[in-house]
Amino acid sequence: MATAPAESQKTARIKITLNGEETDVSFAPYKTLLEVLREDLGHTGTKHGCELGECGACAVLLDGKPVLSCLLLAWECDGCSITTIEGLGSNGRLHPLQSAFANLGAAQCGYCTPGILLTAKALLDENPHPSRDQIREALSGNLCRCTGYLQIFEAVEAAMVQIAEWKKPGA
């Protein structure tokens, strides 16, 4: 069983904006962003998957771009803005991607879902109306063993329509 590093081992310190909030965190310098998010900051929505950068379960947004948090040392993220699944919705409302995934059965076991949702958000932020092929390409690094992907693609397409309404003030 792993134990937390002794306070003397926490020699790295970074300042990040995590889900819109300024955050300072100290940690052992060998830790990945994934480990710091989960173990030091309690953001367990970011999942441990393969830890080899092959499955996408650990995807987060780093300055708006999807990255695999298992492949980044946390100290490389100093001064960056990070969005985890816990920061996807706003004002107590689910993001349209989250709603569409729930409504269309695009998540079954849910383990891969946080990484897929954040990767899809980055796609829709960059291209509000991607084709099915563009969605497939953007999500190609996110593996899912349960859904067969069709519901995932359909949910991203459904969310495209909902996002404009969601962004309106007072909506």
Protein backbone atom coordinates (compact mmCIF):
# COMPACT_ATOMS: atom_id res chain seq x y z
CA MET A 1 0.00 0.00 0.00
CA ALA A 2 1.41 3.38 -1.03
CA THR A 3 1.81 6.06 1.57
CA ALA A 4 1.84 9.80 1.13
CA PRO A 5 5.30 11.30 0.78
CA ALA A 6 6.79 12.76 3.94
CA GLU A 7 6.50 16.52 4.14
CA SER A 8 10.25 16.76 3.46
CA GLN A 9 9.71 15.06 0.07
CA LYS A 10 7.21 17.71 -1.03
CA THR A 11 9.81 19.97 -2.57
CA ALA A 12 7.95 21.06 -5.69
CA ARG A 13 5.35 23.80 -5.63
CA ILE A 14 3.23 25.20 -8.41
CA LYS A 15 0.51 27.78 -8.80
CA ILE A 16 -2.24 26.83 -11.22
CA THR A 17 -5.75 27.87 -12.05
CA LEU A 18 -7.77 24.72 -11.40
CA ASN A 19 -11.34 24.83 -12.69
CA GLY A 20 -11.27 28.61 -12.54
CA GLU A 21 -9.77 28.93 -9.04
CA GLU A 22 -6.21 29.96 -8.22
CA THR A 23 -4.54 27.03 -6.46
CA ASP A 24 -1.13 26.51 -4.87
CA VAL A 25 0.00 22.96 -4.30
CA SER A 26 3.15 21.33 -2.91
CA PHE A 27 4.06 17.79 -3.92
CA ALA A 28 6.92 15.39 -4.50
CA PRO A 29 8.70 16.53 -7.69
CA TYR A 30 8.47 13.13 -9.38
CA LYS A 31 4.64 13.19 -9.45
CA THR A 32 2.67 13.42 -12.65
CA LEU A 33 -0.15 15.90 -13.09
CA LEU A 34 -2.53 12.96 -12.77
CA GLU A 35 -1.12 12.03 -9.37
CA VAL A 36 -1.18 15.60 -8.08
CA LEU A 37 -4.76 16.13 -9.24
CA ARG A 38 -5.99 12.93 -7.61
CA GLU A 39 -3.77 12.54 -4.55
CA ASP A 40 -2.88 16.09 -3.55
CA LEU A 41 -5.91 18.05 -4.79
CA GLY A 42 -8.68 15.44 -4.45
CA HIS A 43 -9.91 15.70 -8.06
CA THR A 44 -10.59 12.02 -8.53
CA GLY A 45 -12.74 12.44 -11.63
CA THR A 46 -9.51 12.30 -13.59
CA LYS A 47 -8.92 8.57 -13.94
CA HIS A 48 -5.87 6.34 -13.73
CA GLY A 49 -5.98 4.22 -16.85
CA CYS A 50 -3.00 2.74 -18.59
CA GLU A 51 -0.51 5.37 -17.32
CA LEU A 52 1.20 4.99 -20.71
CA GLY A 53 -0.69 7.65 -22.65
CA GLU A 54 -2.66 5.11 -24.65
CA CYS A 55 -6.21 5.14 -23.23
CA GLY A 56 -7.20 8.79 -22.65
CA ALA A 57 -8.85 8.17 -19.26
CA CYS A 58 -6.62 10.80 -17.65
CA ALA A 59 -7.32 13.57 -20.19
CA VAL A 60 -7.70 17.08 -18.80
CA LEU A 61 -7.63 20.49 -20.46
CA LEU A 62 -4.36 22.38 -20.08
CA ASP A 63 -4.81 25.96 -21.23
CA GLY A 64 -7.85 24.73 -23.16
CA LYS A 65 -6.10 21.88 -24.97
CA PRO A 66 -6.58 18.19 -24.14
CA VAL A 67 -3.51 16.55 -22.60
CA LEU A 68 -2.86 13.20 -21.01
CA SER A 69 -2.14 14.03 -17.39
CA CYS A 70 -0.30 10.73 -16.84
CA LEU A 71 2.44 11.89 -19.21
CA LEU A 72 3.08 15.34 -17.71
CA LEU A 73 5.15 16.03 -14.66
CA ALA A 74 3.10 18.35 -12.50
CA TRP A 75 5.88 20.93 -12.18
CA GLU A 76 5.63 21.45 -15.97
CA CYS A 77 2.18 22.96 -15.41
CA ASP A 78 3.20 25.91 -13.23
CA GLY A 79 1.18 28.97 -14.20
CA CYS A 80 -1.23 27.00 -16.38
CA SER A 81 -4.99 26.75 -16.37
CA ILE A 82 -6.30 23.21 -15.88
CA THR A 83 -9.86 21.99 -16.30
CA THR A 84 -10.89 18.63 -14.90
CA ILE A 85 -14.27 16.97 -15.18
CA GLU A 86 -15.21 18.58 -11.85
CA GLY A 87 -14.98 21.98 -13.57
CA LEU A 88 -16.90 21.17 -16.75
CA GLY A 89 -20.35 22.38 -15.67
CA SER A 90 -21.05 25.81 -14.26
CA ASN A 91 -23.40 27.40 -11.76
CA GLY A 92 -24.62 23.99 -10.64
CA ARG A 93 -25.66 23.03 -14.19
CA LEU A 94 -24.29 20.17 -16.24
CA HIS A 95 -22.42 21.11 -19.39
CA PRO A 96 -24.46 20.23 -22.53
CA LEU A 97 -21.98 17.45 -23.27
CA GLN A 98 -22.68 15.90 -19.87
CA SER A 99 -26.44 16.16 -20.41
CA ALA A 100 -26.23 14.69 -23.89
CA PHE A 101 -24.07 11.79 -22.69
CA ALA A 102 -26.57 11.03 -19.92
CA ASN A 103 -29.64 11.39 -22.13
CA LEU A 104 -28.30 9.30 -25.02
CA GLY A 105 -26.65 6.53 -23.03
CA ALA A 106 -23.16 7.50 -24.17
CA ALA A 107 -21.68 6.34 -20.87
CA GLN A 108 -22.01 2.89 -19.42
CA CYS A 109 -19.39 2.08 -16.81
CA GLY A 110 -18.27 5.74 -16.97
CA TYR A 111 -14.56 5.20 -16.40
CA CYS A 112 -13.52 6.68 -19.75
CA THR A 113 -16.22 9.36 -19.76
CA PRO A 114 -14.36 12.24 -18.04
CA GLY A 115 -11.51 12.09 -20.56
CA ILE A 116 -13.90 11.81 -23.48
CA LEU A 117 -16.03 14.73 -22.28
CA LEU A 118 -13.04 17.03 -21.85
CA THR A 119 -11.57 16.04 -25.21
CA ALA A 120 -14.96 16.64 -26.86
CA LYS A 121 -15.22 20.03 -25.15
CA ALA A 122 -11.85 21.06 -26.58
CA LEU A 123 -13.02 19.97 -30.04
CA LEU A 124 -16.29 21.93 -29.81
CA ASP A 125 -14.48 24.99 -28.45
CA GLU A 126 -12.20 24.92 -31.50
CA ASN A 127 -14.80 23.79 -34.04
CA PRO A 128 -18.43 24.32 -32.98
CA HIS A 129 -19.80 22.20 -35.86
CA PRO A 130 -17.45 19.28 -36.53
CA SER A 131 -18.36 16.46 -38.89
CA ARG A 132 -18.75 12.90 -37.63
CA ASP A 133 -15.28 12.15 -39.04
CA GLN A 134 -13.78 15.11 -37.17
CA ILE A 135 -15.42 13.93 -33.93
CA ARG A 136 -14.11 10.41 -34.52
CA GLU A 137 -10.60 11.74 -35.15
CA ALA A 138 -10.61 14.04 -32.11
CA LEU A 139 -11.75 11.21 -29.82
CA SER A 140 -9.50 8.55 -31.37
CA GLY A 141 -7.14 8.68 -28.37
CA ASN A 142 -9.95 7.96 -25.89
CA LEU A 143 -10.66 4.26 -25.54
CA CYS A 144 -14.01 2.91 -24.37
CA ARG A 145 -14.75 -0.77 -23.81
CA CYS A 146 -18.50 -0.45 -23.20
CA THR A 147 -20.37 1.75 -25.68
CA GLY A 148 -19.08 0.94 -29.14
CA TYR A 149 -18.66 4.70 -29.73
CA LEU A 150 -21.85 5.35 -31.74
CA GLN A 151 -23.70 6.83 -28.74
CA ILE A 152 -20.63 8.90 -27.91
CA PHE A 153 -20.52 10.43 -31.40
CA GLU A 154 -24.28 11.04 -31.32
CA ALA A 155 -24.03 12.72 -27.92
CA VAL A 156 -21.30 15.09 -29.13
CA GLU A 157 -23.47 15.95 -32.14
CA ALA A 158 -26.49 16.58 -29.88
CA ALA A 159 -24.41 18.77 -27.57
CA MET A 160 -23.43 21.00 -30.50
CA VAL A 161 -27.04 22.16 -30.73
CA GLN A 162 -27.41 22.66 -26.98
CA ILE A 163 -24.18 24.60 -26.37
CA ALA A 164 -25.37 27.86 -27.95
CA GLU A 165 -28.42 27.90 -25.65
CA TRP A 166 -26.33 26.97 -22.62
CA LYS A 167 -23.92 29.87 -23.17
CA LYS A 168 -26.69 32.50 -23.31
CA PRO A 169 -26.78 34.72 -20.20
CA GLY A 170 -29.56 33.74 -17.83
CA ALA A 171 -30.19 30.45 -19.61
